[in-house]
Amino acid sequence: MTGAGLPRRVLVVGMGRSGQAAAAALERRGVEVVAADRADGTDEDSALLNGVGLVVKSPGVPGENPLVGAARERGIPVWSESELGYTLLPSVRLIGITGTKGKTTTVRLLGAMLEAAGWPVQLAGNEHAPISEVADEVEPGTWLVCELTSFQLEDVHTLACEVALLLNVEPDHLDRHGTLEAYRALKLRIFERAGRAVVPRGSGLSGVEFGEDDALPAEPRIPGAHNRLNAAAATCVARLIGAPEDAIAEALVSFPGVEHRLEPVAEIDGVRWVNDSKATNVAATLRGLQTYEDDRVRLIAGGRGKGQSFEPLAAALGSNVVAVYVIGEAAAELVAAIGPRASEVGDLATAVARTAAEAQPGDVVLLSPACASFDQFENFAARGEEFRRLVQNLEA
């Protein structure tokens, strides 16, 4: 064992940002790190487990990974990167936030509320710095607001939140978790060892409840009923830990929202272009459409499916949605579900060009894919940035 109580040799599986952060944190503590990654095929080499006392699994690595399975068979502990990060943290006050959608917005809005109160606060997890990276930067006594996905909660054993917040659970990542029940069970792990739970009103779960109709000290700047609910959740947590009402109000009216989530890109010849690339499942796209239900909408959707049905999207498309331009691997499935309003256009550049040619003044062009981006882009942010670039070229 090292001085930090860690095994002398640790295997890190998955060398994306989280895996790299985990490896670096371990090496700073004198641990010998063995790295395995799908890109070079080493994530199936069980010989890498020889002499290993712990396996740290990146969020992108499924539990069925052969190397992870072999580690379990040998009785080698398997931790998520978030579990490792938690064990390395100094004495901080941890707030964990999970849910299918709204996590990043709520984390950042709550962080803004605590900053407005003058409290020390740091954001971590998923769309922020990995926890194992933050562990060497955060000061004791800081409020650490963590965005935790089902992937990050998959292999936690000691992680304990002072306050744990669940925003919602809707079908997502079924290609990895198999069933909604399995996915929901992972989300609910955030409440294990939590000091206090914050839950949606009417969820049937025990805890302090929040809802869209909660009285807030100010109305949020960010648009949409779903963001009103995110604001209510953040406000509930802020009040629970004693943040002043004036600080909560200040953040509500000043917080501009999150990139790639209903982000206004431009208005060109009376047509508004909106980047909602972060809508990677049907539920998120429905929220985006609801925000513009009083406008004439041209929707750009598609990408890589995640095991979900597109029928709920097709059923919810109002008469205000005049056309759907479909891209990516799931295009044929989307067109079959939506019908005559949908046309398969191939890629994002073609979708933007077609939409620009057909849009009329007063239209809203909404990129809200209802799919993952990995068929054509590195991630949803790259997809959103490309959309922004294409629109800006139109403007130029």
Protein backbone atom coordinates (compact mmCIF):
# COMPACT_ATOMS: atom_id res chain seq x y z
CA MET A 1 0.00 0.00 0.00
CA THR A 2 1.09 3.58 -0.62
CA GLY A 3 1.07 6.34 1.94
CA ALA A 4 -2.33 7.39 0.59
CA GLY A 5 -3.78 3.97 1.45
CA LEU A 6 -3.90 2.95 -2.22
CA PRO A 7 -2.47 -0.25 -3.73
CA ARG A 8 1.01 0.09 -5.17
CA ARG A 9 -0.23 -0.93 -8.63
CA VAL A 10 -3.57 0.21 -10.12
CA LEU A 11 -5.10 -0.49 -13.51
CA VAL A 12 -7.02 2.37 -15.14
CA VAL A 13 -9.41 1.21 -17.89
CA GLY A 14 -10.42 3.87 -20.41
CA MET A 15 -8.01 6.72 -21.09
CA GLY A 16 -10.34 9.56 -21.94
CA ARG A 17 -10.31 12.70 -19.83
CA SER A 18 -11.54 10.95 -16.67
CA GLY A 19 -9.09 8.08 -17.06
CA GLN A 20 -6.19 10.45 -17.64
CA ALA A 21 -7.19 12.47 -14.56
CA ALA A 22 -7.38 9.29 -12.47
CA ALA A 23 -3.98 8.09 -13.69
CA ALA A 24 -2.36 11.46 -13.00
CA ALA A 25 -3.85 11.65 -9.50
CA LEU A 26 -2.61 8.14 -8.70
CA GLU A 27 0.88 8.81 -10.04
CA ARG A 28 1.14 11.95 -7.91
CA ARG A 29 0.63 9.66 -4.93
CA GLY A 30 3.37 7.26 -5.91
CA VAL A 31 1.11 4.59 -7.41
CA GLU A 32 2.29 2.56 -10.39
CA VAL A 33 -0.40 2.99 -13.03
CA VAL A 34 -1.17 0.49 -15.76
CA ALA A 35 -3.34 1.92 -18.54
CA ALA A 36 -5.76 0.04 -20.79
CA ASP A 37 -7.86 1.55 -23.55
CA ARG A 38 -10.23 0.37 -26.26
CA ALA A 39 -8.38 2.44 -28.86
CA ASP A 40 -5.31 0.18 -28.70
CA GLY A 41 -7.11 -3.04 -27.79
CA THR A 42 -5.48 -3.33 -24.37
CA ASP A 43 -8.85 -3.19 -22.59
CA GLU A 44 -9.18 -6.95 -23.25
CA ASP A 45 -5.71 -8.03 -22.11
CA SER A 46 -6.25 -9.81 -18.78
CA ALA A 47 -2.48 -10.09 -18.27
CA LEU A 48 -2.57 -6.41 -17.31
CA LEU A 49 -4.28 -7.45 -14.05
CA ASN A 50 -1.18 -9.23 -12.77
CA GLY A 51 -0.04 -7.57 -9.55
CA VAL A 52 -2.92 -5.06 -9.62
CA GLY A 53 -4.72 -4.24 -6.37
CA LEU A 54 -7.42 -1.97 -7.79
CA VAL A 55 -9.14 -1.25 -11.10
CA VAL A 56 -10.41 2.27 -11.79
CA LYS A 57 -13.00 2.40 -14.56
CA SER A 58 -13.67 5.49 -16.68
CA PRO A 59 -17.34 6.45 -17.19
CA GLY A 60 -17.29 5.38 -20.82
CA VAL A 61 -16.30 1.80 -19.96
CA PRO A 62 -19.28 -0.55 -19.48
CA GLY A 63 -19.39 -3.03 -16.64
CA GLU A 64 -19.37 -5.86 -19.20
CA ASN A 65 -15.88 -4.88 -20.39
CA PRO A 66 -13.80 -8.10 -20.50
CA LEU A 67 -10.98 -6.67 -18.41
CA VAL A 68 -13.37 -5.33 -15.79
CA GLY A 69 -15.18 -8.68 -15.70
CA ALA A 70 -11.89 -10.52 -15.27
CA ALA A 71 -10.97 -8.21 -12.39
CA ARG A 72 -14.24 -8.99 -10.61
CA GLU A 73 -13.67 -12.72 -11.09
CA ARG A 74 -10.26 -12.38 -9.44
CA GLY A 75 -11.73 -10.43 -6.54
CA ILE A 76 -9.94 -7.20 -7.49
CA PRO A 77 -11.96 -4.13 -6.39
CA VAL A 78 -13.44 -2.04 -9.24
CA TRP A 79 -14.03 1.66 -8.65
CA SER A 80 -15.48 4.36 -10.84
CA GLU A 81 -13.33 7.44 -11.38
CA SER A 82 -15.76 9.37 -9.18
CA GLU A 83 -15.21 6.87 -6.34
CA LEU A 84 -11.46 7.32 -6.65
CA GLY A 85 -11.85 11.10 -6.69
CA TYR A 86 -14.04 11.00 -3.60
CA THR A 87 -11.45 9.00 -1.66
CA LEU A 88 -8.79 11.59 -2.56
CA LEU A 89 -10.81 14.68 -1.61
CA PRO A 90 -9.92 16.82 1.37
CA SER A 91 -12.70 17.69 3.82
CA VAL A 92 -15.24 19.30 1.48
CA ARG A 93 -19.03 19.59 1.51
CA LEU A 94 -20.26 17.47 -1.37
CA ILE A 95 -23.49 18.13 -3.27
CA GLY A 96 -24.27 15.46 -5.87
CA ILE A 97 -26.70 16.09 -8.74
CA THR A 98 -28.01 13.45 -11.10
CA GLY A 99 -30.89 13.03 -13.53
CA THR A 100 -31.49 12.24 -17.17
CA LYS A 101 -31.50 15.87 -18.23
CA GLY A 102 -30.82 19.23 -16.62
CA LYS A 103 -27.74 18.19 -14.65
CA THR A 104 -25.25 20.63 -16.15
CA THR A 105 -27.67 23.56 -16.02
CA THR A 106 -28.59 22.86 -12.40
CA VAL A 107 -24.98 22.32 -11.30
CA ARG A 108 -23.89 25.61 -12.83
CA LEU A 109 -26.91 27.53 -11.59
CA LEU A 110 -26.44 26.24 -8.05
CA GLY A 111 -22.75 27.09 -8.29
CA ALA A 112 -23.70 30.63 -9.33
CA MET A 113 -26.02 30.90 -6.33
CA LEU A 114 -23.29 29.87 -3.90
CA GLU A 115 -20.77 32.20 -5.58
CA ALA A 116 -23.26 35.06 -5.27
CA ALA A 117 -23.45 34.24 -1.55
CA GLY A 118 -19.67 34.59 -1.33
CA TRP A 119 -19.21 30.94 -0.42
CA PRO A 120 -16.23 28.88 -1.66
CA VAL A 121 -17.56 26.58 -4.39
CA GLN A 122 -16.07 24.27 -7.03
CA LEU A 123 -17.85 22.36 -9.80
CA ALA A 124 -16.83 18.84 -10.79
CA GLY A 125 -17.98 15.70 -12.60
CA ASN A 126 -19.33 14.83 -16.04
CA GLU A 127 -19.35 18.14 -18.01
CA HIS A 128 -16.83 19.65 -15.59
CA ALA A 129 -13.38 18.62 -14.34
CA PRO A 130 -13.16 15.00 -13.15
CA ILE A 131 -13.35 14.66 -9.37
CA SER A 132 -9.91 13.03 -9.18
CA GLU A 133 -8.48 16.13 -10.89
CA VAL A 134 -10.31 18.54 -8.61
CA ALA A 135 -9.17 16.62 -5.52
CA ASP A 136 -5.73 18.23 -5.71
CA GLU A 137 -7.09 21.74 -6.29
CA VAL A 138 -10.08 22.19 -4.00
CA GLU A 139 -9.59 23.78 -0.60
CA PRO A 140 -10.97 22.17 2.56
CA GLY A 141 -14.38 23.54 3.51
CA THR A 142 -15.38 24.20 -0.11
CA TRP A 143 -18.83 23.31 -1.41
CA LEU A 144 -18.12 20.79 -4.18
CA VAL A 145 -21.08 20.59 -6.58
CA CYS A 146 -20.78 17.39 -8.62
CA GLU A 147 -22.62 16.32 -11.75
CA LEU A 148 -22.97 12.53 -11.53
CA THR A 149 -24.20 10.36 -14.40
CA SER A 150 -25.40 6.77 -14.24
CA PHE A 151 -21.99 5.78 -15.61
CA GLN A 152 -20.21 7.56 -12.75
CA LEU A 153 -22.50 6.03 -10.11
CA GLU A 154 -22.04 2.51 -11.45
CA ASP A 155 -19.11 1.54 -9.22
CA VAL A 156 -19.23 3.77 -6.14
CA HIS A 157 -18.77 2.21 -2.71
CA THR A 158 -18.07 4.99 -0.22
CA LEU A 159 -19.06 8.19 -2.06
CA ALA A 160 -21.39 10.10 0.26
CA CYS A 161 -23.11 13.39 -0.57
CA GLU A 162 -24.03 15.89 2.11
CA VAL A 163 -26.96 16.73 -0.20
CA ALA A 164 -28.03 14.48 -3.09
CA LEU A 165 -30.41 15.80 -5.77
CA LEU A 166 -32.33 13.76 -8.35
CA LEU A 167 -33.82 15.87 -11.14
CA ASN A 168 -35.68 13.26 -13.21
CA VAL A 169 -35.42 9.78 -14.69
CA GLU A 170 -36.47 9.20 -18.30
CA PRO A 171 -35.41 6.60 -20.89
CA ASP A 172 -31.75 7.13 -21.80
CA HIS A 173 -28.57 5.07 -22.28
CA LEU A 174 -30.68 1.94 -22.73
CA ASP A 175 -28.08 0.76 -25.23
CA ARG A 176 -25.74 0.38 -22.26
CA HIS A 177 -27.98 -0.31 -19.26
CA GLY A 178 -30.52 -2.51 -21.02
CA THR A 179 -33.69 -1.46 -19.19
CA LEU A 180 -35.16 1.68 -17.69
CA GLU A 181 -35.29 -0.11 -14.34
CA ALA A 182 -31.55 -0.80 -14.37
CA TYR A 183 -30.82 2.78 -15.41
CA ARG A 184 -33.09 4.16 -12.67
CA ALA A 185 -31.45 1.94 -10.04
CA LEU A 186 -28.06 3.43 -10.88
CA LYS A 187 -29.42 6.98 -10.64
CA LEU A 188 -30.86 6.23 -7.20
CA ARG A 189 -27.45 5.15 -5.94
CA ILE A 190 -26.75 8.85 -5.39
CA PHE A 191 -28.88 8.59 -2.23
CA GLU A 192 -26.76 5.84 -0.72
CA ARG A 193 -24.99 7.33 2.32
CA ALA A 194 -26.40 10.81 1.50
CA GLY A 195 -27.08 13.13 4.40
CA ARG A 196 -30.15 14.75 2.80
CA ALA A 197 -32.13 13.91 -0.33
CA VAL A 198 -33.85 16.37 -2.67
CA VAL A 199 -36.40 14.80 -5.03
CA PRO A 200 -39.06 15.85 -7.57
CA ARG A 201 -42.50 16.39 -6.11
CA GLY A 202 -44.71 13.40 -6.85
CA SER A 203 -41.80 11.02 -7.46
CA GLY A 204 -42.73 8.78 -4.55
CA LEU A 205 -39.20 9.10 -3.17
CA SER A 206 -38.39 10.27 0.34
CA GLY A 207 -36.72 13.65 0.72
CA VAL A 208 -37.18 17.39 0.45
CA GLU A 209 -39.38 17.99 -2.59
CA PHE A 210 -39.20 20.61 -5.35
CA GLY A 211 -41.55 21.38 -8.22
CA GLU A 212 -42.08 23.67 -11.20
CA ASP A 213 -44.63 25.76 -9.26
CA ASP A 214 -42.32 26.51 -6.33
CA ALA A 215 -42.13 30.18 -5.34
CA LEU A 216 -38.72 31.57 -6.30
CA PRO A 217 -37.15 34.86 -5.21
CA ALA A 218 -36.87 35.81 -8.91
CA GLU A 219 -37.83 34.28 -12.23
CA PRO A 220 -34.95 32.59 -14.06
CA ARG A 221 -33.40 34.25 -17.07
CA ILE A 222 -33.08 30.93 -18.93
CA PRO A 223 -36.21 30.05 -20.99
CA GLY A 224 -38.47 27.02 -20.89
CA ALA A 225 -40.64 25.16 -18.39
CA HIS A 226 -37.91 22.55 -17.93
CA ASN A 227 -35.48 25.31 -16.90
CA ARG A 228 -38.06 26.65 -14.44
CA LEU A 229 -37.93 23.18 -12.89
CA ASN A 230 -34.10 23.16 -12.89
CA ALA A 231 -34.18 26.57 -11.20
CA ALA A 232 -36.61 25.26 -8.58
CA ALA A 233 -34.29 22.33 -7.89
CA ALA A 234 -31.22 24.53 -7.52
CA THR A 235 -33.15 26.95 -5.32
CA CYS A 236 -34.38 24.11 -3.11
CA VAL A 237 -30.82 22.89 -2.50
CA ALA A 238 -29.49 26.42 -1.96
CA ARG A 239 -32.19 27.14 0.62
CA LEU A 240 -31.62 23.78 2.30
CA ILE A 241 -27.98 24.60 2.98
CA GLY A 242 -28.75 28.15 4.09
CA ALA A 243 -27.87 30.35 1.11
CA PRO A 244 -29.38 33.87 1.35
CA GLU A 245 -32.45 34.64 -0.77
CA ASP A 246 -30.81 37.70 -2.36
CA ALA A 247 -27.90 35.56 -3.61
CA ILE A 248 -30.32 33.00 -5.05
CA ALA A 249 -32.27 35.77 -6.78
CA GLU A 250 -29.11 37.35 -8.19
CA ALA A 251 -28.05 34.06 -9.79
CA LEU A 252 -31.51 33.34 -11.19
CA VAL A 253 -31.65 36.63 -13.09
CA SER A 254 -28.02 36.66 -14.23
CA PHE A 255 -27.30 33.03 -15.15
CA PRO A 256 -27.26 32.87 -18.98
CA GLY A 257 -27.66 29.13 -19.40
CA VAL A 258 -25.40 26.40 -20.77
CA GLU A 259 -23.71 26.17 -24.16
CA HIS A 260 -25.46 23.81 -26.59
CA ARG A 261 -28.70 23.81 -24.56
CA LEU A 262 -31.31 26.06 -26.21
CA GLU A 263 -28.46 28.43 -27.04
CA PRO A 264 -29.48 31.26 -29.40
CA VAL A 265 -26.91 31.34 -32.21
CA ALA A 266 -28.15 34.03 -34.60
CA GLU A 267 -31.13 35.71 -36.19
CA ILE A 268 -30.74 35.98 -39.96
CA ASP A 269 -33.41 37.58 -42.17
CA GLY A 270 -36.00 37.05 -39.45
CA VAL A 271 -35.09 33.37 -38.87
CA ARG A 272 -33.84 32.40 -35.39
CA TRP A 273 -31.25 29.64 -35.16
CA VAL A 274 -31.03 27.72 -31.85
CA ASN A 275 -28.35 25.23 -30.80
CA ASP A 276 -29.76 22.44 -28.60
CA SER A 277 -27.11 19.86 -29.43
CA LYS A 278 -27.03 18.72 -25.80
CA ALA A 279 -30.50 17.20 -26.35
CA THR A 280 -29.20 13.68 -26.88
CA ASN A 281 -32.44 11.85 -26.11
CA VAL A 282 -36.12 12.17 -26.97
CA ALA A 283 -37.14 13.65 -23.61
CA ALA A 284 -34.67 16.52 -23.99
CA THR A 285 -35.82 17.28 -27.53
CA LEU A 286 -39.44 17.37 -26.36
CA ARG A 287 -38.46 19.99 -23.79
CA GLY A 288 -36.79 22.05 -26.47
CA LEU A 289 -39.83 21.84 -28.71
CA GLN A 290 -42.09 22.82 -25.83
CA THR A 291 -40.07 26.02 -25.38
CA TYR A 292 -40.95 27.05 -28.95
CA GLU A 293 -44.49 25.66 -29.13
CA ASP A 294 -45.84 29.09 -30.10
CA ASP A 295 -43.37 29.47 -33.00
CA ARG A 296 -43.13 27.87 -36.42
CA VAL A 297 -40.27 25.38 -36.03
CA ARG A 298 -37.95 23.60 -38.42
CA LEU A 299 -36.26 20.79 -36.47
CA ILE A 300 -32.87 19.25 -37.23
CA ALA A 301 -32.63 15.85 -35.54
CA GLY A 302 -30.76 12.57 -35.73
CA GLY A 303 -27.42 11.00 -34.99
CA ARG A 304 -26.74 7.71 -33.24
CA GLY A 305 -29.71 6.13 -31.48
CA LYS A 306 -29.45 5.08 -27.84
CA GLY A 307 -31.92 2.21 -27.78
CA GLN A 308 -34.95 4.46 -27.29
CA SER A 309 -38.17 4.61 -29.31
CA PHE A 310 -38.77 7.67 -31.48
CA GLU A 311 -42.54 7.18 -31.38
CA PRO A 312 -43.00 9.58 -28.41
CA LEU A 313 -41.19 12.27 -30.40
CA ALA A 314 -43.36 11.65 -33.46
CA ALA A 315 -46.52 11.72 -31.36
CA ALA A 316 -45.57 14.99 -29.67
CA LEU A 317 -44.70 16.98 -32.81
CA GLY A 318 -47.24 19.78 -32.99
CA SER A 319 -48.59 21.36 -36.13
CA ASN A 320 -46.13 24.23 -35.53
CA VAL A 321 -43.26 21.90 -36.52
CA VAL A 322 -43.40 22.34 -40.28
CA ALA A 323 -40.40 20.20 -41.24
CA VAL A 324 -37.86 17.82 -39.73
CA TYR A 325 -34.44 17.47 -41.35
CA VAL A 326 -32.90 14.16 -40.29
CA ILE A 327 -29.21 13.26 -40.19
CA GLY A 328 -26.98 10.39 -39.10
CA GLU A 329 -27.28 6.69 -38.39
CA ALA A 330 -30.79 6.86 -36.94
CA ALA A 331 -32.19 8.78 -39.92
CA ALA A 332 -34.23 5.96 -41.44
CA GLU A 333 -35.76 5.07 -38.06
CA LEU A 334 -36.66 8.71 -37.40
CA VAL A 335 -38.22 9.20 -40.85
CA ALA A 336 -40.26 6.02 -40.42
CA ALA A 337 -41.55 7.21 -37.04
CA ILE A 338 -42.27 10.83 -38.00
CA GLY A 339 -43.66 10.41 -41.48
CA PRO A 340 -44.02 12.93 -44.36
CA ARG A 341 -42.74 15.96 -42.42
CA ALA A 342 -39.32 14.30 -42.07
CA SER A 343 -36.70 14.09 -44.79
CA GLU A 344 -33.33 12.35 -44.65
CA VAL A 345 -30.58 14.83 -45.54
CA GLY A 346 -27.41 13.00 -44.50
CA ASP A 347 -25.23 15.36 -42.52
CA LEU A 348 -25.43 18.58 -40.54
CA ALA A 349 -23.98 20.82 -43.24
CA THR A 350 -26.64 19.65 -45.70
CA ALA A 351 -29.35 20.09 -43.07
CA VAL A 352 -28.32 23.68 -42.40
CA ALA A 353 -28.13 24.48 -46.12
CA ARG A 354 -31.56 22.93 -46.82
CA THR A 355 -33.14 24.65 -43.85
CA ALA A 356 -31.65 28.01 -44.78
CA ALA A 357 -33.07 27.68 -48.29
CA GLU A 358 -36.58 26.81 -47.05
CA ALA A 359 -36.96 28.85 -43.83
CA GLN A 360 -39.20 31.90 -43.76
CA PRO A 361 -39.12 35.01 -41.56
CA GLY A 362 -40.49 34.15 -38.14
CA ASP A 363 -39.27 30.54 -38.24
CA VAL A 364 -37.15 28.98 -35.50
CA VAL A 365 -34.54 26.51 -36.73
CA LEU A 366 -33.87 24.19 -33.81
CA LEU A 367 -30.97 21.73 -33.73
CA SER A 368 -32.28 19.30 -31.10
CA PRO A 369 -31.12 15.88 -32.23
CA ALA A 370 -32.76 13.41 -29.78
CA CYS A 371 -29.68 11.26 -30.48
CA ALA A 372 -26.05 10.92 -29.50
CA SER A 373 -23.46 12.51 -31.78
CA PHE A 374 -20.84 9.78 -32.03
CA ASP A 375 -21.68 8.67 -35.56
CA GLN A 376 -20.47 11.96 -37.07
CA PHE A 377 -18.89 13.97 -34.21
CA GLU A 378 -16.60 13.47 -31.25
CA ASN A 379 -19.34 14.56 -28.85
CA PHE A 380 -22.44 16.77 -28.61
CA ALA A 381 -20.28 19.86 -28.03
CA ALA A 382 -18.43 19.32 -31.32
CA ARG A 383 -21.78 18.93 -33.06
CA GLY A 384 -23.06 22.15 -31.51
CA GLU A 385 -19.90 24.04 -32.42
CA GLU A 386 -20.16 22.87 -36.02
CA PHE A 387 -23.79 24.01 -36.13
CA ARG A 388 -22.75 27.38 -34.77
CA ARG A 389 -19.98 27.65 -37.38
CA LEU A 390 -22.31 26.74 -40.23
CA VAL A 391 -24.90 29.30 -39.12
CA GLN A 392 -22.28 32.00 -38.69
CA ASN A 393 -21.12 31.31 -42.24
CA LEU A 394 -24.69 31.91 -43.40
CA GLU A 395 -24.67 35.19 -41.52
CA ALA A 396 -21.38 36.20 -43.12
